Amino acid sequence: MKKISMILVFAALMVAQLFAQPGQGMRKGQGMPEMRGVDGPGPRMIEVLDLTVDQQKQMKDLKLKHDKEMIPLRADRLKATEELRLLKAQDKPNLKAINNKIDEVVALKAKIMKARARHQVEVKNILTEEQRLKWEERQMHRKGRKGHRGFGRHSGFGGGLR
């Protein structure tokens, strides 16, 4: 029981460390303003897509809602992944328990992917046709470059529309 308590404390510390990192899309040393701000669209996104004040507010509200949904999902996934690692590391691993934990991790990843897709669609629905075309053009331009995925979290364009 003591071992499980220590594991849970370790997992909690890892989750705390994860959320203590700089915000998504925020990179040190980048000269270009980010597409996604900490609490909504960033200055670059506002400029490139020519967002109205109303659109900015809607995106800010969507981002807050999305972040509230994602935080527990990411924490649960991290915890399940760590539990899976510990199950595999046992002297006599229980294959049934490992498979069940894999199913749990995959289910959490699916929930996260679905939440991201829903969020992207909701944000895209806020944009005008002209803005959507600019967004899609920018994504297509970025997809050809390794490590750049449009407005995605790891693109050079910031964490745009997740």
Protein backbone atom coordinates (compact mmCIF):
# COMPACT_ATOMS: atom_id res chain seq x y z
CA MET A 1 0.00 0.00 0.00
CA LYS A 2 2.89 2.32 0.82
CA LYS A 3 4.35 1.68 -2.64
CA ILE A 4 1.08 2.70 -4.31
CA SER A 5 0.94 5.89 -2.24
CA MET A 6 4.47 6.78 -3.29
CA ILE A 7 3.58 6.11 -6.92
CA LEU A 8 0.54 8.38 -6.74
CA VAL A 9 2.60 11.15 -5.10
CA PHE A 10 5.21 10.80 -7.84
CA ALA A 11 2.53 10.95 -10.54
CA ALA A 12 0.99 14.03 -8.92
CA LEU A 13 4.39 15.74 -8.89
CA MET A 14 4.86 14.89 -12.56
CA VAL A 15 1.46 16.39 -13.39
CA ALA A 16 2.29 19.53 -11.41
CA GLN A 17 5.60 19.84 -13.27
CA LEU A 18 3.82 19.38 -16.60
CA PHE A 19 1.49 22.29 -15.93
CA ALA A 20 4.29 24.48 -14.56
CA GLN A 21 5.96 24.60 -17.97
CA PRO A 22 5.53 27.57 -20.35
CA GLY A 23 2.16 27.65 -22.09
CA GLN A 24 1.54 25.75 -25.28
CA GLY A 25 2.90 27.51 -28.29
CA MET A 26 5.13 29.71 -26.17
CA ARG A 27 8.75 29.33 -27.17
CA LYS A 28 11.78 31.12 -25.87
CA GLY A 29 13.78 33.11 -28.36
CA GLN A 30 11.15 33.39 -31.07
CA GLY A 31 11.01 36.85 -32.51
CA MET A 32 7.58 36.45 -34.11
CA PRO A 33 4.57 37.06 -31.86
CA GLU A 34 2.57 33.92 -31.18
CA MET A 35 -0.62 32.96 -32.96
CA ARG A 36 -2.13 31.81 -29.69
CA GLY A 37 -2.02 33.80 -26.53
CA VAL A 38 -2.20 32.43 -23.03
CA ASP A 39 -5.94 33.11 -22.79
CA GLY A 40 -7.08 33.34 -26.40
CA PRO A 41 -5.81 34.26 -29.85
CA GLY A 42 -2.38 35.87 -29.87
CA PRO A 43 -1.42 39.12 -31.58
CA ARG A 44 -0.12 37.34 -34.69
CA MET A 45 -3.35 35.40 -35.16
CA ILE A 46 -5.43 38.53 -34.65
CA GLU A 47 -3.33 40.31 -37.26
CA VAL A 48 -3.07 37.53 -39.87
CA LEU A 49 -6.76 36.58 -39.72
CA ASP A 50 -7.97 40.13 -39.00
CA LEU A 51 -10.15 38.94 -36.12
CA THR A 52 -12.91 41.17 -34.80
CA VAL A 53 -13.21 41.95 -31.10
CA ASP A 54 -16.26 39.65 -30.95
CA GLN A 55 -14.32 36.80 -32.59
CA GLN A 56 -11.45 37.32 -30.15
CA LYS A 57 -13.86 37.09 -27.21
CA GLN A 58 -15.51 33.96 -28.63
CA MET A 59 -12.12 32.31 -29.13
CA LYS A 60 -11.03 33.28 -25.63
CA ASP A 61 -14.19 31.70 -24.19
CA LEU A 62 -13.71 28.55 -26.29
CA LYS A 63 -10.09 28.25 -25.20
CA LEU A 64 -11.02 28.55 -21.53
CA LYS A 65 -13.71 25.88 -21.95
CA HIS A 66 -11.28 23.64 -23.87
CA ASP A 67 -8.50 24.05 -21.32
CA LYS A 68 -10.88 23.18 -18.46
CA GLU A 69 -11.81 20.00 -20.32
CA MET A 70 -8.25 19.06 -21.27
CA ILE A 71 -6.48 19.48 -17.92
CA PRO A 72 -8.14 16.51 -16.19
CA LEU A 73 -7.92 14.37 -19.33
CA ARG A 74 -4.19 15.02 -19.67
CA ALA A 75 -3.64 14.37 -15.96
CA ASP A 76 -5.58 11.10 -16.15
CA ARG A 77 -3.63 10.04 -19.25
CA LEU A 78 -0.32 10.84 -17.58
CA LYS A 79 -1.33 8.92 -14.46
CA ALA A 80 -2.51 5.91 -16.50
CA THR A 81 0.69 5.94 -18.57
CA GLU A 82 2.80 5.97 -15.41
CA GLU A 83 0.72 3.15 -13.91
CA LEU A 84 1.25 1.18 -17.12
CA ARG A 85 4.99 1.69 -16.87
CA LEU A 86 4.94 0.43 -13.29
CA LEU A 87 2.85 -2.61 -14.21
CA LYS A 88 5.38 -3.52 -16.89
CA ALA A 89 8.28 -3.04 -14.47
CA GLN A 90 7.01 -5.56 -11.91
CA ASP A 91 9.01 -8.74 -11.33
CA LYS A 92 6.08 -10.83 -12.53
CA PRO A 93 3.98 -8.57 -14.77
CA ASN A 94 0.28 -9.35 -15.04
CA LEU A 95 -0.52 -9.30 -18.76
CA LYS A 96 -4.26 -8.88 -18.18
CA ALA A 97 -3.66 -5.82 -15.96
CA ILE A 98 -1.20 -4.40 -18.53
CA ASN A 99 -3.69 -4.88 -21.37
CA ASN A 100 -6.47 -3.24 -19.32
CA LYS A 101 -4.21 -0.28 -18.58
CA ILE A 102 -3.27 0.00 -22.28
CA ASP A 103 -6.99 0.12 -23.09
CA GLU A 104 -7.41 2.89 -20.52
CA VAL A 105 -4.51 4.94 -21.95
CA VAL A 106 -5.80 4.54 -25.51
CA ALA A 107 -9.35 5.53 -24.46
CA LEU A 108 -7.98 8.68 -22.79
CA LYS A 109 -5.92 9.52 -25.89
CA ALA A 110 -9.06 9.11 -28.02
CA LYS A 111 -11.00 11.47 -25.73
CA ILE A 112 -8.21 14.04 -25.99
CA MET A 113 -8.06 13.77 -29.78
CA LYS A 114 -11.85 14.10 -30.06
CA ALA A 115 -11.85 17.14 -27.75
CA ARG A 116 -9.12 18.78 -29.85
CA ALA A 117 -10.99 18.08 -33.08
CA ARG A 118 -14.21 19.49 -31.61
CA HIS A 119 -12.35 22.58 -30.42
CA GLN A 120 -10.77 23.13 -33.85
CA VAL A 121 -14.16 22.87 -35.53
CA GLU A 122 -15.70 25.28 -33.01
CA VAL A 123 -12.92 27.81 -33.60
CA LYS A 124 -13.14 27.37 -37.36
CA ASN A 125 -16.90 28.03 -37.17
CA ILE A 126 -16.18 31.46 -35.66
CA LEU A 127 -14.15 32.48 -38.73
CA THR A 128 -15.54 34.05 -41.87
CA GLU A 129 -15.02 32.29 -45.20
CA GLU A 130 -12.11 34.62 -46.02
CA GLN A 131 -10.48 33.98 -42.64
CA ARG A 132 -10.91 30.20 -43.04
CA LEU A 133 -9.19 30.39 -46.41
CA LYS A 134 -6.26 32.31 -44.87
CA TRP A 135 -6.06 29.77 -42.05
CA GLU A 136 -6.16 26.77 -44.40
CA GLU A 137 -3.63 28.38 -46.76
CA ARG A 138 -1.29 28.96 -43.83
CA GLN A 139 -1.75 25.36 -42.65
CA MET A 140 -0.99 23.94 -46.09
CA HIS A 141 2.09 26.12 -46.38
CA ARG A 142 3.34 24.94 -43.00
CA LYS A 143 2.56 21.22 -43.43
CA GLY A 144 5.33 20.77 -45.97
CA ARG A 145 7.96 21.88 -43.46
CA LYS A 146 9.19 19.28 -41.00
CA GLY A 147 8.02 20.03 -37.48
CA HIS A 148 5.47 22.61 -38.62
CA ARG A 149 1.80 21.76 -38.62
CA GLY A 150 -0.22 24.86 -39.38
CA PHE A 151 -1.48 26.51 -36.23
CA GLY A 152 -0.67 23.41 -34.17
CA ARG A 153 1.06 23.48 -30.82
CA HIS A 154 4.48 22.55 -32.20
CA SER A 155 4.39 24.62 -35.35
CA GLY A 156 6.47 27.72 -35.82
CA PHE A 157 3.14 29.52 -35.96
CA GLY A 158 2.26 29.10 -32.29
CA GLY A 159 -0.42 26.98 -30.70
CA GLY A 160 -3.21 28.49 -32.72
CA LEU A 161 -6.42 26.62 -32.96
CA ARG A 162 -6.24 23.65 -30.64
